[in-house]
Amino acid sequence: MEWAFLGLLTFAILIFSLSFFRQDRTKALEKEVDDLTIAYKKEIFIVNKRLKTLEEEHHSLIQQRKKGTAREQLIDDVLDLKSKGHTENEIAKEMKLTENEVISILQTKYQKPSH
């Protein structure tokens, strides 16, 4: 009985000492999780930054398109009134433009490209 107790005690001491030399698996896993978390946060930051850039570009393109569309609509309205026989002065009053602006729009639209 003493030999069994002594054998078990020796075995316990041996296993206990080996546990100090063995790498702590929990710490390694914690470090790996921390590294993955940091990498994930960096990726999210980069994606959010890129998304913000794309949103700004999209907003800028929409603003340019709106400006172009409004300008084209103005030109179309001026041409429509001119085709109905209105004078430049009447068109200017109707569209709340100056007569020079109306004349400029008409000249630009009716100029033929030179080759």
PDB file of N, CA and C in Angstrom:
ATOM      1  N   MET A   1       0.816  -1.180   0.000  1.00  0.00           N
ATOM      2  CA  MET A   1       0.000   0.000   0.000  1.00  0.00           C
ATOM      3  C   MET A   1       0.869   1.257   0.000  1.00  0.00           C
ATOM      4  N   GLU A   2       1.957   1.191   0.741  1.00  0.00           N
ATOM      5  CA  GLU A   2       2.862   2.335   0.771  1.00  0.00           C
ATOM      6  C   GLU A   2       3.510   2.539  -0.588  1.00  0.00           C
ATOM      7  N   TRP A   3       3.833   1.436  -1.256  1.00  0.00           N
ATOM      8  CA  TRP A   3       4.453   1.539  -2.574  1.00  0.00           C
ATOM      9  C   TRP A   3       3.482   2.162  -3.581  1.00  0.00           C
ATOM     10  N   ALA A   4       2.227   1.822  -3.491  1.00  0.00           N
ATOM     11  CA  ALA A   4       1.221   2.386  -4.403  1.00  0.00           C
ATOM     12  C   ALA A   4       1.072   3.883  -4.138  1.00  0.00           C
ATOM     13  N   PHE A   5       1.014   4.237  -2.858  1.00  0.00           N
ATOM     14  CA  PHE A   5       0.895   5.648  -2.498  1.00  0.00           C
ATOM     15  C   PHE A   5       2.127   6.421  -2.950  1.00  0.00           C
ATOM     16  N   LEU A   6       3.302   5.855  -2.704  1.00  0.00           N
ATOM     17  CA  LEU A   6       4.554   6.490  -3.108  1.00  0.00           C
ATOM     18  C   LEU A   6       4.640   6.598  -4.631  1.00  0.00           C
ATOM     19  N   GLY A   7       4.201   5.577  -5.355  1.00  0.00           N
ATOM     20  CA  GLY A   7       4.200   5.595  -6.820  1.00  0.00           C
ATOM     21  C   GLY A   7       3.262   6.669  -7.362  1.00  0.00           C
ATOM     22  N   LEU A   8       2.065   6.752  -6.764  1.00  0.00           N
ATOM     23  CA  LEU A   8       1.113   7.776  -7.193  1.00  0.00           C
ATOM     24  C   LEU A   8       1.617   9.180  -6.878  1.00  0.00           C
ATOM     25  N   LEU A   9       2.245   9.338  -5.706  1.00  0.00           N
ATOM     26  CA  LEU A   9       2.798  10.641  -5.333  1.00  0.00           C
ATOM     27  C   LEU A   9       3.916  11.049  -6.292  1.00  0.00           C
ATOM     28  N   THR A  10       4.767  10.125  -6.655  1.00  0.00           N
ATOM     29  CA  THR A  10       5.858  10.390  -7.598  1.00  0.00           C
ATOM     30  C   THR A  10       5.290  10.755  -8.972  1.00  0.00           C
ATOM     31  N   PHE A  11       4.294   9.994  -9.385  1.00  0.00           N
ATOM     32  CA  PHE A  11       3.658  10.260 -10.676  1.00  0.00           C
ATOM     33  C   PHE A  11       3.014  11.656 -10.679  1.00  0.00           C
ATOM     34  N   ALA A  12       2.372  12.031  -9.587  1.00  0.00           N
ATOM     35  CA  ALA A  12       1.735  13.345  -9.469  1.00  0.00           C
ATOM     36  C   ALA A  12       2.773  14.458  -9.520  1.00  0.00           C
ATOM     37  N   ILE A  13       3.882  14.270  -8.818  1.00  0.00           N
ATOM     38  CA  ILE A  13       4.949  15.281  -8.826  1.00  0.00           C
ATOM     39  C   ILE A  13       5.542  15.407 -10.225  1.00  0.00           C
ATOM     40  N   LEU A  14       5.725  14.282 -10.888  1.00  0.00           N
ATOM     41  CA  LEU A  14       6.275  14.289 -12.248  1.00  0.00           C
ATOM     42  C   LEU A  14       5.333  15.044 -13.207  1.00  0.00           C
ATOM     43  N   ILE A  15       4.073  14.753 -13.145  1.00  0.00           N
ATOM     44  CA  ILE A  15       3.096  15.430 -14.023  1.00  0.00           C
ATOM     45  C   ILE A  15       3.010  16.917 -13.676  1.00  0.00           C
ATOM     46  N   PHE A  16       3.043  17.229 -12.383  1.00  0.00           N
ATOM     47  CA  PHE A  16       2.990  18.620 -11.947  1.00  0.00           C
ATOM     48  C   PHE A  16       4.198  19.392 -12.480  1.00  0.00           C
ATOM     49  N   SER A  17       5.404  18.798 -12.422  1.00  0.00           N
ATOM     50  CA  SER A  17       6.594  19.476 -12.936  1.00  0.00           C
ATOM     51  C   SER A  17       6.556  19.611 -14.451  1.00  0.00           C
ATOM     52  N   LEU A  18       6.024  18.628 -15.134  1.00  0.00           N
ATOM     53  CA  LEU A  18       5.936  18.718 -16.596  1.00  0.00           C
ATOM     54  C   LEU A  18       4.965  19.820 -17.026  1.00  0.00           C
ATOM     55  N   SER A  19       3.974  20.095 -16.214  1.00  0.00           N
ATOM     56  CA  SER A  19       3.000  21.127 -16.575  1.00  0.00           C
ATOM     57  C   SER A  19       3.647  22.512 -16.636  1.00  0.00           C
ATOM     58  N   PHE A  20       4.720  22.726 -15.891  1.00  0.00           N
ATOM     59  CA  PHE A  20       5.414  24.012 -15.947  1.00  0.00           C
ATOM     60  C   PHE A  20       6.222  24.172 -17.228  1.00  0.00           C
ATOM     61  N   PHE A  21       6.698  23.075 -17.769  1.00  0.00           N
ATOM     62  CA  PHE A  21       7.509  23.132 -18.984  1.00  0.00           C
ATOM     63  C   PHE A  21       6.662  23.145 -20.249  1.00  0.00           C
ATOM     64  N   ARG A  22       5.450  22.719 -20.123  1.00  0.00           N
ATOM     65  CA  ARG A  22       4.548  22.693 -21.273  1.00  0.00           C
ATOM     66  C   ARG A  22       4.048  24.117 -21.542  1.00  0.00           C
ATOM     67  N   GLN A  23       3.923  24.479 -22.821  1.00  0.00           N
ATOM     68  CA  GLN A  23       3.440  25.815 -23.171  1.00  0.00           C
ATOM     69  C   GLN A  23       1.996  25.966 -22.720  1.00  0.00           C
ATOM     70  N   ASP A  24       1.702  27.171 -22.290  1.00  0.00           N
ATOM     71  CA  ASP A  24       0.339  27.433 -21.855  1.00  0.00           C
ATOM     72  C   ASP A  24      -0.522  27.657 -23.097  1.00  0.00           C
ATOM     73  N   ARG A  25      -1.360  26.719 -23.402  1.00  0.00           N
ATOM     74  CA  ARG A  25      -2.192  26.753 -24.607  1.00  0.00           C
ATOM     75  C   ARG A  25      -3.212  27.898 -24.543  1.00  0.00           C
ATOM     76  N   THR A  26      -3.679  28.207 -23.366  1.00  0.00           N
ATOM     77  CA  THR A  26      -4.664  29.271 -23.215  1.00  0.00           C
ATOM     78  C   THR A  26      -4.074  30.619 -23.610  1.00  0.00           C
ATOM     79  N   LYS A  27      -2.857  30.886 -23.165  1.00  0.00           N
ATOM     80  CA  LYS A  27      -2.224  32.164 -23.506  1.00  0.00           C
ATOM     81  C   LYS A  27      -1.973  32.265 -25.007  1.00  0.00           C
ATOM     82  N   ALA A  28      -1.590  31.158 -25.613  1.00  0.00           N
ATOM     83  CA  ALA A  28      -1.363  31.161 -27.055  1.00  0.00           C
ATOM     84  C   ALA A  28      -2.672  31.443 -27.791  1.00  0.00           C
ATOM     85  N   LEU A  29      -3.754  30.839 -27.330  1.00  0.00           N
ATOM     86  CA  LEU A  29      -5.053  31.077 -27.959  1.00  0.00           C
ATOM     87  C   LEU A  29      -5.515  32.518 -27.744  1.00  0.00           C
ATOM     88  N   GLU A  30      -5.286  33.057 -26.551  1.00  0.00           N
ATOM     89  CA  GLU A  30      -5.652  34.446 -26.280  1.00  0.00           C
ATOM     90  C   GLU A  30      -4.884  35.397 -27.194  1.00  0.00           C
ATOM     91  N   LYS A  31      -3.591  35.127 -27.377  1.00  0.00           N
ATOM     92  CA  LYS A  31      -2.778  35.969 -28.259  1.00  0.00           C
ATOM     93  C   LYS A  31      -3.280  35.873 -29.696  1.00  0.00           C
ATOM     94  N   GLU A  32      -3.621  34.669 -30.120  1.00  0.00           N
ATOM     95  CA  GLU A  32      -4.121  34.489 -31.477  1.00  0.00           C
ATOM     96  C   GLU A  32      -5.449  35.234 -31.679  1.00  0.00           C
ATOM     97  N   VAL A  33      -6.326  35.150 -30.685  1.00  0.00           N
ATOM     98  CA  VAL A  33      -7.602  35.870 -30.762  1.00  0.00           C
ATOM     99  C   VAL A  33      -7.355  37.381 -30.789  1.00  0.00           C
ATOM    100  N   ASP A  34      -6.438  37.861 -29.959  1.00  0.00           N
ATOM    101  CA  ASP A  34      -6.109  39.291 -29.954  1.00  0.00           C
ATOM    102  C   ASP A  34      -5.558  39.737 -31.309  1.00  0.00           C
ATOM    103  N   ASP A  35      -4.659  38.938 -31.878  1.00  0.00           N
ATOM    104  CA  ASP A  35      -4.094  39.271 -33.188  1.00  0.00           C
ATOM    105  C   ASP A  35      -5.178  39.311 -34.264  1.00  0.00           C
ATOM    106  N   LEU A  36      -6.077  38.330 -34.224  1.00  0.00           N
ATOM    107  CA  LEU A  36      -7.165  38.304 -35.199  1.00  0.00           C
ATOM    108  C   LEU A  36      -8.099  39.500 -35.015  1.00  0.00           C
ATOM    109  N   THR A  37      -8.348  39.867 -33.767  1.00  0.00           N
ATOM    110  CA  THR A  37      -9.209  41.016 -33.485  1.00  0.00           C
ATOM    111  C   THR A  37      -8.585  42.299 -34.023  1.00  0.00           C
ATOM    112  N   ILE A  38      -7.299  42.469 -33.801  1.00  0.00           N
ATOM    113  CA  ILE A  38      -6.600  43.663 -34.300  1.00  0.00           C
ATOM    114  C   ILE A  38      -6.626  43.694 -35.827  1.00  0.00           C
ATOM    115  N   ALA A  39      -6.353  42.551 -36.453  1.00  0.00           N
ATOM    116  CA  ALA A  39      -6.377  42.487 -37.914  1.00  0.00           C
ATOM    117  C   ALA A  39      -7.779  42.792 -38.442  1.00  0.00           C
ATOM    118  N   TYR A  40      -8.787  42.265 -37.771  1.00  0.00           N
ATOM    119  CA  TYR A  40     -10.180  42.510 -38.161  1.00  0.00           C
ATOM    120  C   TYR A  40     -10.515  43.997 -38.055  1.00  0.00           C
ATOM    121  N   LYS A  41     -10.112  44.623 -36.963  1.00  0.00           N
ATOM    122  CA  LYS A  41     -10.399  46.049 -36.774  1.00  0.00           C
ATOM    123  C   LYS A  41      -9.687  46.898 -37.827  1.00  0.00           C
ATOM    124  N   LYS A  42      -8.454  46.517 -38.183  1.00  0.00           N
ATOM    125  CA  LYS A  42      -7.734  47.242 -39.231  1.00  0.00           C
ATOM    126  C   LYS A  42      -8.472  47.126 -40.562  1.00  0.00           C
ATOM    127  N   GLU A  43      -8.918  45.910 -40.883  1.00  0.00           N
ATOM    128  CA  GLU A  43      -9.645  45.696 -42.132  1.00  0.00           C
ATOM    129  C   GLU A  43     -10.942  46.502 -42.158  1.00  0.00           C
ATOM    130  N   ILE A  44     -11.659  46.503 -41.044  1.00  0.00           N
ATOM    131  CA  ILE A  44     -12.906  47.265 -40.956  1.00  0.00           C
ATOM    132  C   ILE A  44     -12.620  48.755 -41.149  1.00  0.00           C
ATOM    133  N   PHE A  45     -11.545  49.249 -40.548  1.00  0.00           N
ATOM    134  CA  PHE A  45     -11.170  50.655 -40.696  1.00  0.00           C
ATOM    135  C   PHE A  45     -10.889  50.982 -42.160  1.00  0.00           C
ATOM    136  N   ILE A  46     -10.121  50.115 -42.822  1.00  0.00           N
ATOM    137  CA  ILE A  46      -9.778  50.338 -44.230  1.00  0.00           C
ATOM    138  C   ILE A  46     -11.035  50.304 -45.099  1.00  0.00           C
ATOM    139  N   VAL A  47     -11.916  49.337 -44.839  1.00  0.00           N
ATOM    140  CA  VAL A  47     -13.150  49.225 -45.619  1.00  0.00           C
ATOM    141  C   VAL A  47     -14.033  50.453 -45.397  1.00  0.00           C
ATOM    142  N   ASN A  48     -14.156  50.895 -44.150  1.00  0.00           N
ATOM    143  CA  ASN A  48     -14.969  52.086 -43.864  1.00  0.00           C
ATOM    144  C   ASN A  48     -14.392  53.329 -44.526  1.00  0.00           C
ATOM    145  N   LYS A  49     -13.066  53.439 -44.525  1.00  0.00           N
ATOM    146  CA  LYS A  49     -12.409  54.582 -45.165  1.00  0.00           C
ATOM    147  C   LYS A  49     -12.679  54.569 -46.675  1.00  0.00           C
ATOM    148  N   ARG A  50     -12.557  53.395 -47.279  1.00  0.00           N
ATOM    149  CA  ARG A  50     -12.803  53.257 -48.719  1.00  0.00           C
ATOM    150  C   ARG A  50     -14.270  53.536 -49.040  1.00  0.00           C
ATOM    151  N   LEU A  51     -15.166  53.046 -48.172  1.00  0.00           N
ATOM    152  CA  LEU A  51     -16.594  53.283 -48.363  1.00  0.00           C
ATOM    153  C   LEU A  51     -16.909  54.774 -48.301  1.00  0.00           C
ATOM    154  N   LYS A  52     -16.293  55.467 -47.359  1.00  0.00           N
ATOM    155  CA  LYS A  52     -16.512  56.913 -47.240  1.00  0.00           C
ATOM    156  C   LYS A  52     -16.026  57.631 -48.505  1.00  0.00           C
ATOM    157  N   THR A  53     -14.869  57.221 -49.018  1.00  0.00           N
ATOM    158  CA  THR A  53     -14.333  57.811 -50.248  1.00  0.00           C
ATOM    159  C   THR A  53     -15.286  57.579 -51.420  1.00  0.00           C
ATOM    160  N   LEU A  54     -15.788  56.349 -51.534  1.00  0.00           N
ATOM    161  CA  LEU A  54     -16.713  56.034 -52.618  1.00  0.00           C
ATOM    162  C   LEU A  54     -18.017  56.821 -52.490  1.00  0.00           C
ATOM    163  N   GLU A  55     -18.507  56.971 -51.259  1.00  0.00           N
ATOM    164  CA  GLU A  55     -19.728  57.757 -51.047  1.00  0.00           C
ATOM    165  C   GLU A  55     -19.513  59.214 -51.444  1.00  0.00           C
ATOM    166  N   GLU A  56     -18.345  59.768 -51.112  1.00  0.00           N
ATOM    167  CA  GLU A  56     -18.044  61.149 -51.487  1.00  0.00           C
ATOM    168  C   GLU A  56     -17.961  61.299 -53.003  1.00  0.00           C
ATOM    169  N   GLU A  57     -17.325  60.320 -53.672  1.00  0.00           N
ATOM    170  CA  GLU A  57     -17.237  60.362 -55.129  1.00  0.00           C
ATOM    171  C   GLU A  57     -18.630  60.268 -55.746  1.00  0.00           C
ATOM    172  N   HIS A  58     -19.449  59.382 -55.195  1.00  0.00           N
ATOM    173  CA  HIS A  58     -20.814  59.207 -55.696  1.00  0.00           C
ATOM    174  C   HIS A  58     -21.615  60.497 -55.522  1.00  0.00           C
ATOM    175  N   HIS A  59     -21.495  61.104 -54.354  1.00  0.00           N
ATOM    176  CA  HIS A  59     -22.201  62.362 -54.085  1.00  0.00           C
ATOM    177  C   HIS A  59     -21.741  63.448 -55.058  1.00  0.00           C
ATOM    178  N   SER A  60     -20.441  63.498 -55.306  1.00  0.00           N
ATOM    179  CA  SER A  60     -19.891  64.489 -56.232  1.00  0.00           C
ATOM    180  C   SER A  60     -20.430  64.269 -57.648  1.00  0.00           C
ATOM    181  N   LEU A  61     -20.480  63.012 -58.081  1.00  0.00           N
ATOM    182  CA  LEU A  61     -21.001  62.711 -59.417  1.00  0.00           C
ATOM    183  C   LEU A  61     -22.478  63.074 -59.536  1.00  0.00           C
ATOM    184  N   ILE A  62     -23.235  62.811 -58.483  1.00  0.00           N
ATOM    185  CA  ILE A  62     -24.657  63.157 -58.498  1.00  0.00           C
ATOM    186  C   ILE A  62     -24.829  64.666 -58.601  1.00  0.00           C
ATOM    187  N   GLN A  63     -24.016  65.416 -57.842  1.00  0.00           N
ATOM    188  CA  GLN A  63     -24.107  66.879 -57.895  1.00  0.00           C
ATOM    189  C   GLN A  63     -23.759  67.394 -59.288  1.00  0.00           C
ATOM    190  N   GLN A  64     -22.733  66.811 -59.904  1.00  0.00           N
ATOM    191  CA  GLN A  64     -22.355  67.228 -61.257  1.00  0.00           C
ATOM    192  C   GLN A  64     -23.468  66.904 -62.245  1.00  0.00           C
ATOM    193  N   ARG A  65     -24.061  65.730 -62.077  1.00  0.00           N
ATOM    194  CA  ARG A  65     -25.135  65.317 -62.975  1.00  0.00           C
ATOM    195  C   ARG A  65     -26.350  66.236 -62.816  1.00  0.00           C
ATOM    196  N   LYS A  66     -26.656  66.602 -61.566  1.00  0.00           N
ATOM    197  CA  LYS A  66     -27.786  67.509 -61.335  1.00  0.00           C
ATOM    198  C   LYS A  66     -27.533  68.858 -61.990  1.00  0.00           C
ATOM    199  N   LYS A  67     -26.300  69.355 -61.859  1.00  0.00           N
ATOM    200  CA  LYS A  67     -25.961  70.639 -62.475  1.00  0.00           C
ATOM    201  C   LYS A  67     -26.090  70.548 -63.986  1.00  0.00           C
ATOM    202  N   GLY A  68     -25.566  69.475 -64.553  1.00  0.00           N
ATOM    203  CA  GLY A  68     -25.642  69.283 -65.997  1.00  0.00           C
ATOM    204  C   GLY A  68     -27.079  69.146 -66.455  1.00  0.00           C
ATOM    205  N   THR A  69     -27.890  68.430 -65.696  1.00  0.00           N
ATOM    206  CA  THR A  69     -29.283  68.229 -66.053  1.00  0.00           C
ATOM    207  C   THR A  69     -30.058  69.540 -65.975  1.00  0.00           C
ATOM    208  N   ALA A  70     -29.825  70.331 -64.942  1.00  0.00           N
ATOM    209  CA  ALA A  70     -30.515  71.616 -64.798  1.00  0.00           C
ATOM    210  C   ALA A  70     -30.135  72.548 -65.943  1.00  0.00           C
ATOM    211  N   ARG A  71     -28.865  72.555 -66.295  1.00  0.00           N
ATOM    212  CA  ARG A  71     -28.387  73.409 -67.396  1.00  0.00           C
ATOM    213  C   ARG A  71     -29.025  72.969 -68.710  1.00  0.00           C
ATOM    214  N   GLU A  72     -29.055  71.657 -68.940  1.00  0.00           N
ATOM    215  CA  GLU A  72     -29.661  71.142 -70.168  1.00  0.00           C
ATOM    216  C   GLU A  72     -31.150  71.473 -70.221  1.00  0.00           C
ATOM    217  N   GLN A  73     -31.825  71.382 -69.089  1.00  0.00           N
ATOM    218  CA  GLN A  73     -33.253  71.708 -69.032  1.00  0.00           C
ATOM    219  C   GLN A  73     -33.478  73.188 -69.356  1.00  0.00           C
ATOM    220  N   LEU A  74     -32.613  74.033 -68.818  1.00  0.00           N
ATOM    221  CA  LEU A  74     -32.709  75.469 -69.091  1.00  0.00           C
ATOM    222  C   LEU A  74     -32.545  75.741 -70.586  1.00  0.00           C
ATOM    223  N   ILE A  75     -31.538  75.109 -71.185  1.00  0.00           N
ATOM    224  CA  ILE A  75     -31.295  75.286 -72.622  1.00  0.00           C
ATOM    225  C   ILE A  75     -32.496  74.794 -73.422  1.00  0.00           C
ATOM    226  N   ASP A  76     -33.021  73.623 -73.054  1.00  0.00           N
ATOM    227  CA  ASP A  76     -34.185  73.081 -73.764  1.00  0.00           C
ATOM    228  C   ASP A  76     -35.387  74.009 -73.660  1.00  0.00           C
ATOM    229  N   ASP A  77     -35.594  74.580 -72.473  1.00  0.00           N
ATOM    230  CA  ASP A  77     -36.725  75.500 -72.289  1.00  0.00           C
ATOM    231  C   ASP A  77     -36.558  76.762 -73.139  1.00  0.00           C
ATOM    232  N   VAL A  78     -35.340  77.305 -73.166  1.00  0.00           N
ATOM    233  CA  VAL A  78     -35.076  78.500 -73.978  1.00  0.00           C
ATOM    234  C   VAL A  78     -35.314  78.187 -75.453  1.00  0.00           C
ATOM    235  N   LEU A  79     -34.804  77.055 -75.930  1.00  0.00           N
ATOM    236  CA  LEU A  79     -34.982  76.675 -77.334  1.00  0.00           C
ATOM    237  C   LEU A  79     -36.454  76.439 -77.661  1.00  0.00           C
ATOM    238  N   ASP A  80     -37.169  75.843 -76.719  1.00  0.00           N
ATOM    239  CA  ASP A  80     -38.594  75.586 -76.929  1.00  0.00           C
ATOM    240  C   ASP A  80     -39.364  76.896 -77.090  1.00  0.00           C
ATOM    241  N   LEU A  81     -39.083  77.847 -76.204  1.00  0.00           N
ATOM    242  CA  LEU A  81     -39.762  79.143 -76.299  1.00  0.00           C
ATOM    243  C   LEU A  81     -39.395  79.863 -77.600  1.00  0.00           C
ATOM    244  N   LYS A  82     -38.120  79.762 -77.995  1.00  0.00           N
ATOM    245  CA  LYS A  82     -37.675  80.413 -79.240  1.00  0.00           C
ATOM    246  C   LYS A  82     -38.375  79.781 -80.444  1.00  0.00           C
ATOM    247  N   SER A  83     -38.530  78.440 -80.400  1.00  0.00           N
ATOM    248  CA  SER A  83     -39.188  77.762 -81.523  1.00  0.00           C
ATOM    249  C   SER A  83     -40.674  78.118 -81.605  1.00  0.00           C
ATOM    250  N   LYS A  84     -41.244  78.565 -80.501  1.00  0.00           N
ATOM    251  CA  LYS A  84     -42.653  78.977 -80.492  1.00  0.00           C
ATOM    252  C   LYS A  84     -42.817  80.438 -80.922  1.00  0.00           C
ATOM    253  N   GLY A  85     -41.698  81.087 -81.247  1.00  0.00           N
ATOM    254  CA  GLY A  85     -41.768  82.429 -81.797  1.00  0.00           C
ATOM    255  C   GLY A  85     -41.569  83.545 -80.789  1.00  0.00           C
ATOM    256  N   HIS A  86     -41.175  83.224 -79.582  1.00  0.00           N
ATOM    257  CA  HIS A  86     -40.947  84.269 -78.577  1.00  0.00           C
ATOM    258  C   HIS A  86     -39.639  85.003 -78.884  1.00  0.00           C
ATOM    259  N   THR A  87     -39.595  86.266 -78.529  1.00  0.00           N
ATOM    260  CA  THR A  87     -38.371  87.053 -78.704  1.00  0.00           C
ATOM    261  C   THR A  87     -37.423  86.778 -77.534  1.00  0.00           C
ATOM    262  N   GLU A  88     -36.169  87.220 -77.705  1.00  0.00           N
ATOM    263  CA  GLU A  88     -35.186  87.027 -76.640  1.00  0.00           C
ATOM    264  C   GLU A  88     -35.617  87.730 -75.360  1.00  0.00           C
ATOM    265  N   ASN A  89     -36.200  88.909 -75.496  1.00  0.00           N
ATOM    266  CA  ASN A  89     -36.656  89.677 -74.344  1.00  0.00           C
ATOM    267  C   ASN A  89     -37.781  88.932 -73.607  1.00  0.00           C
ATOM    268  N   GLU A  90     -38.730  88.379 -74.352  1.00  0.00           N
ATOM    269  CA  GLU A  90     -39.837  87.622 -73.741  1.00  0.00           C
ATOM    270  C   GLU A  90     -39.323  86.364 -73.034  1.00  0.00           C
ATOM    271  N   ILE A  91     -38.385  85.696 -73.687  1.00  0.00           N
ATOM    272  CA  ILE A  91     -37.797  84.483 -73.095  1.00  0.00           C
ATOM    273  C   ILE A  91     -37.071  84.840 -71.805  1.00  0.00           C
ATOM    274  N   ALA A  92     -36.330  85.941 -71.823  1.00  0.00           N
ATOM    275  CA  ALA A  92     -35.581  86.372 -70.639  1.00  0.00           C
ATOM    276  C   ALA A  92     -36.527  86.631 -69.476  1.00  0.00           C
ATOM    277  N   LYS A  93     -37.634  87.328 -69.748  1.00  0.00           N
ATOM    278  CA  LYS A  93     -38.601  87.600 -68.679  1.00  0.00           C
ATOM    279  C   LYS A  93     -39.247  86.304 -68.179  1.00  0.00           C
ATOM    280  N   GLU A  94     -39.611  85.436 -69.104  1.00  0.00           N
ATOM    281  CA  GLU A  94     -40.268  84.167 -68.759  1.00  0.00           C
ATOM    282  C   GLU A  94     -39.352  83.265 -67.929  1.00  0.00           C
ATOM    283  N   MET A  95     -38.084  83.205 -68.306  1.00  0.00           N
ATOM    284  CA  MET A  95     -37.133  82.295 -67.657  1.00  0.00           C
ATOM    285  C   MET A  95     -36.364  82.963 -66.513  1.00  0.00           C
ATOM    286  N   LYS A  96     -36.633  84.256 -66.283  1.00  0.00           N
ATOM    287  CA  LYS A  96     -35.927  85.027 -65.247  1.00  0.00           C
ATOM    288  C   LYS A  96     -34.416  85.029 -65.501  1.00  0.00           C
ATOM    289  N   LEU A  97     -34.076  85.299 -66.746  1.00  0.00           N
ATOM    290  CA  LEU A  97     -32.680  85.427 -67.170  1.00  0.00           C
ATOM    291  C   LEU A  97     -32.496  86.821 -67.746  1.00  0.00           C
ATOM    292  N   THR A  98     -31.234  87.169 -67.976  1.00  0.00           N
ATOM    293  CA  THR A  98     -30.993  88.421 -68.692  1.00  0.00           C
ATOM    294  C   THR A  98     -31.106  88.133 -70.186  1.00  0.00           C
ATOM    295  N   GLU A  99     -31.332  89.182 -70.941  1.00  0.00           N
ATOM    296  CA  GLU A  99     -31.441  89.009 -72.390  1.00  0.00           C
ATOM    297  C   GLU A  99     -30.115  88.513 -72.970  1.00  0.00           C
ATOM    298  N   ASN A 100     -29.002  88.981 -72.410  1.00  0.00           N
ATOM    299  CA  ASN A 100     -27.681  88.529 -72.871  1.00  0.00           C
ATOM    300  C   ASN A 100     -27.484  87.031 -72.625  1.00  0.00           C
ATOM    301  N   GLU A 101     -27.995  86.521 -71.499  1.00  0.00           N
ATOM    302  CA  GLU A 101     -27.885  85.083 -71.225  1.00  0.00           C
ATOM    303  C   GLU A 101     -28.687  84.276 -72.239  1.00  0.00           C
ATOM    304  N   VAL A 102     -29.854  84.754 -72.570  1.00  0.00           N
ATOM    305  CA  VAL A 102     -30.688  84.069 -73.565  1.00  0.00           C
ATOM    306  C   VAL A 102     -29.990  84.070 -74.919  1.00  0.00           C
ATOM    307  N   ILE A 103     -29.453  85.216 -75.305  1.00  0.00           N
ATOM    308  CA  ILE A 103     -28.744  85.326 -76.587  1.00  0.00           C
ATOM    309  C   ILE A 103     -27.539  84.390 -76.595  1.00  0.00           C
ATOM    310  N   SER A 104     -26.813  84.342 -75.484  1.00  0.00           N
ATOM    311  CA  SER A 104     -25.641  83.463 -75.383  1.00  0.00           C
ATOM    312  C   SER A 104     -26.041  81.992 -75.531  1.00  0.00           C
ATOM    313  N   ILE A 105     -27.135  81.610 -74.885  1.00  0.00           N
ATOM    314  CA  ILE A 105     -27.608  80.218 -74.996  1.00  0.00           C
ATOM    315  C   ILE A 105     -27.995  79.907 -76.435  1.00  0.00           C
ATOM    316  N   LEU A 106     -28.695  80.808 -77.062  1.00  0.00           N
ATOM    317  CA  LEU A 106     -29.124  80.582 -78.445  1.00  0.00           C
ATOM    318  C   LEU A 106     -27.936  80.531 -79.397  1.00  0.00           C
ATOM    319  N   GLN A 107     -26.960  81.410 -79.204  1.00  0.00           N
ATOM    320  CA  GLN A 107     -25.778  81.412 -80.071  1.00  0.00           C
ATOM    321  C   GLN A 107     -24.981  80.123 -79.892  1.00  0.00           C
ATOM    322  N   THR A 108     -24.824  79.708 -78.665  1.00  0.00           N
ATOM    323  CA  THR A 108     -24.061  78.483 -78.393  1.00  0.00           C
ATOM    324  C   THR A 108     -24.755  77.277 -79.013  1.00  0.00           C
ATOM    325  N   LYS A 109     -26.060  77.232 -78.912  1.00  0.00           N
ATOM    326  CA  LYS A 109     -26.799  76.075 -79.397  1.00  0.00           C
ATOM    327  C   LYS A 109     -26.869  76.044 -80.915  1.00  0.00           C
ATOM    328  N   TYR A 110     -26.926  77.209 -81.539  1.00  0.00           N
ATOM    329  CA  TYR A 110     -27.087  77.263 -82.991  1.00  0.00           C
ATOM    330  C   TYR A 110     -25.764  77.356 -83.742  1.00  0.00           C
ATOM    331  N   GLN A 111     -24.643  77.471 -83.030  1.00  0.00           N
ATOM    332  CA  GLN A 111     -23.346  77.516 -83.711  1.00  0.00           C
ATOM    333  C   GLN A 111     -23.053  76.145 -84.297  1.00  0.00           C
ATOM    334  N   LYS A 112     -22.559  76.153 -85.518  1.00  0.00           N
ATOM    335  CA  LYS A 112     -22.194  74.891 -86.158  1.00  0.00           C
ATOM    336  C   LYS A 112     -20.717  74.638 -85.896  1.00  0.00           C
ATOM    337  N   PRO A 113     -20.369  73.393 -85.554  1.00  0.00           N
ATOM    338  CA  PRO A 113     -18.950  73.098 -85.342  1.00  0.00           C
ATOM    339  C   PRO A 113     -18.167  73.252 -86.638  1.00  0.00           C
ATOM    340  N   SER A 114     -16.999  73.881 -86.557  1.00  0.00           N
ATOM    341  CA  SER A 114     -16.173  74.084 -87.750  1.00  0.00           C
ATOM    342  C   SER A 114     -15.192  72.933 -87.879  1.00  0.00           C
ATOM    343  N   HIS A 115     -15.021  72.455 -89.097  1.00  0.00           N
ATOM    344  CA  HIS A 115     -14.104  71.333 -89.362  1.00  0.00           C
ATOM    345  C   HIS A 115     -12.959  71.789 -90.187  1.00  0.00           C
TER     346      HIS A 115
END
